């Protein structure tokens, strides 16, 4: 008999930042185990509103899962056991050997099973097989296995130990468990976990429940009974959606909007069982403090949702997600307003105190802050960043592609700004505000720089030099910030690679992957006329004897990160491989090259030219010694090679001119005219002719063809 299944584990308050993953894991692993035991047949349509034939529930005090159409008994399954080679299991007279009898005994079979054995080919020899029917597992036994696996595989951040009611038995789990529910339809499934036996009773909201305990009628009534009798929204997603609805409803009358923060929303969802959003406010004078400080203290310390106006400015209003809904909410709102006041007062105090001391006065203090045991102090690091930034300005000044600088004195002014910003960028690490909220480093430096009256370009650069901080983050807003951000990231990468601190597997304690992606994004999205190998080479001297030159592994690391990033953006592995095979030093060119390759691949001639290019590459790889480069018209004997040379002479200047103009798409499309002469060449011409002069001439022709076809990308990588 099939029926829907409900399993709930009722526990003390679970860690809020882990609740979502705990709920997903508990439900997913339990369902997968039932499926592996053939106790559930996946429904192609799944549960209405979901993509899976099960529903996960997770609240601060419960993990649960509903599974549809679960069998009371799994169907019997035919099994075939391979025993051993027939020559080993049977003697010359066809009788069972002791080895075969021992193997059968291990499977619970006696000598009479020999007559049921099947002989079948197994590779070069014959083997003996035992066919039998295994009875399907009963739900009670299968669910016990599934429950044990689900609990064992929970991604518990930290296990605690507690005693059961007997006073002797110790249990290790994320939090003490108090109830276990297991219902197949309306019937209790007799399973156990964490010293508990399954029943049908659970507990509702601590304060709001209509009754102390809820006796579940059947598996399908779980969510409804908990909501109506227990005052609990059991589904994490439904509770989250209800919080979002209430937040927007509370903000709308004020003409404001709650701050958008998915992590905060998930954490608050994990703190309440029946959300009730209330509106609070703080004193207007606190708005004189930078809004990032106020927002961070309200979110991190109090789990409040600050309210912003239409321009994104912080207002004095904020929203609280309460776990209770009293008739008179004034005590709740008043209490939260009293609690947040000292936090905001602390932020104002830190801000006022920090502004009494200029950033430059804090610079000597960086010499007392250790950055890394092998790389010195933050003060030494600051000097390295300034040196690398100066080198970047020089590379921009000497770039073959013009780089526009708005200031009238051009690069001299930029160089001065860059040095000032580089030296002051880390000074806010010594402020009280950043000491309390490390997430505000850079941001507070920008505020303090403006307060001191420093040039706005410098203040923006100090604020922006950590950007991009994460995937999708904005890039630095001005040239000064761009240069300092590049220098800061290159200093980190070159220094740590130079002392062998490379990322391994999933471990990247210094966020070097993020730093590398930051460099890549700046170079690509701002299309800077800078060569990545030259940037790395310019950063190495800043470290003196502290490091060994890490250029080779670091450039490989950049290439790997770039390839991953491009594939994530939707480019195919073939397209990425074709472009990066040439190791383009100017990353700003890469998107245009990729678009050119994609446009070329759509041409009717593309497949034939890519295959021919691959053939040319293979021929040239086998050439011993240096490749001939001189083409003699007198040695072009065959009509097909004459036609190819003529076509190449006509097409190559056009393709090269477009390439120099960075019209990579046009350059590749110009090569389409070579399809017919290239095909004819390979049909009619023997490249490795016996005559050495003819062979050298034809190799030189192919070498020129290869060079012409592979300036934008290695087109041979497009061949299937």
Foldseek 3Di string as FASTA:
>chain_A
DWFKKKKKWFFAFFQLLQFVLLQVLLAVLLVVLLVVLQQDDWDCPADVPDRGQKAWFTARTMTMIMHGTGHQWHAKDKDKDWQFFQPQQADPVRAGDPSRQVSQVVVVHHRVQSVQWDWDDDPPGITIMRIDIGTRGGPLVSSQVSNVRSQVPRPQPDWDWDDDPVVPDIDIHSGGTDAIAMFGFQDGRFHDDRHYTHDQKDAADPPPFQDGIFRDRGNVCVQVRNVNGRVFRGHLVVLLVVVLVQQCVVCVVVQWHWDDDPSLSSSVSRVAGHWDKDKAFEDQVLLVFPVVLLCCCCCVPPSKTFIAHPVRRTDRMIMDTDNDDDPDCCVVRVVVRVVCVVSSVVSVVLLVVQLVDALVNLLVVQQVAAPDPLQHTSNLLLQLLLQLLLVVLVCQVPFPDHDDDDDPVPSVVLNVLLNVLSSRLQSCCPGPSCVVPVVCRLVVQLVSCVVVVHDNVSSQLSNQLCPPVDPPRDHRDDPSNLSSNLSSLLSVLFLCVQVPNDADDPDDPPPNLVSLVRNLCSLAVVVRSFFQLVSNVSSVVSRPPSGDGRSVVSLVSSLVSVLVVVVVVPQDNLLSQFQCVVVGRRSNLSVLLSVLLVLLCPDPLLQQVLQLLLVLVVVVVPDPDDAQADADPVLQDDPLSNVLVVLCVVQQVVLVVCVVVSNSNRSQVSCSVNRVSSVVCVVPDDLPDPPVVSNSNSRNSSVSVSVSNDPSTSSNSVHD
